[in-house]
Amino acid sequence: MDPSPALTFGPESVPLSVLDLAPVPDGGNAGDALRATIDLARHAERLGFRRFWVAEHHNMPGIASSALARTASPEGQPARTAT
């Protein structure tokens, strides 16, 4: 059972999701960007968003989500435990 009801929008109660690009901050690196993405995913989950998506863009130096294998679990810890 979900800990909180999902945020929804409209008369049909469409579940809301978050889409992140994992931008590398000024003066930062890809690790900083991916840690921020994990923090955002955890925050979105606490707020009740149903899904968290990471956009995949290749050959963009300011975007850390070009390597989704690393983005999926850079610290070996998922944003939440699947049930």
Foldseek 3Di string as FASTA:
>chain_A
DQPDAAQADDPVGHAAEEEAQLFADVVGALVVSLVVLLVVVLVNSVVRHDYYHYDADPPDRGTNRVPVVCSCCVPPDHSDDDD
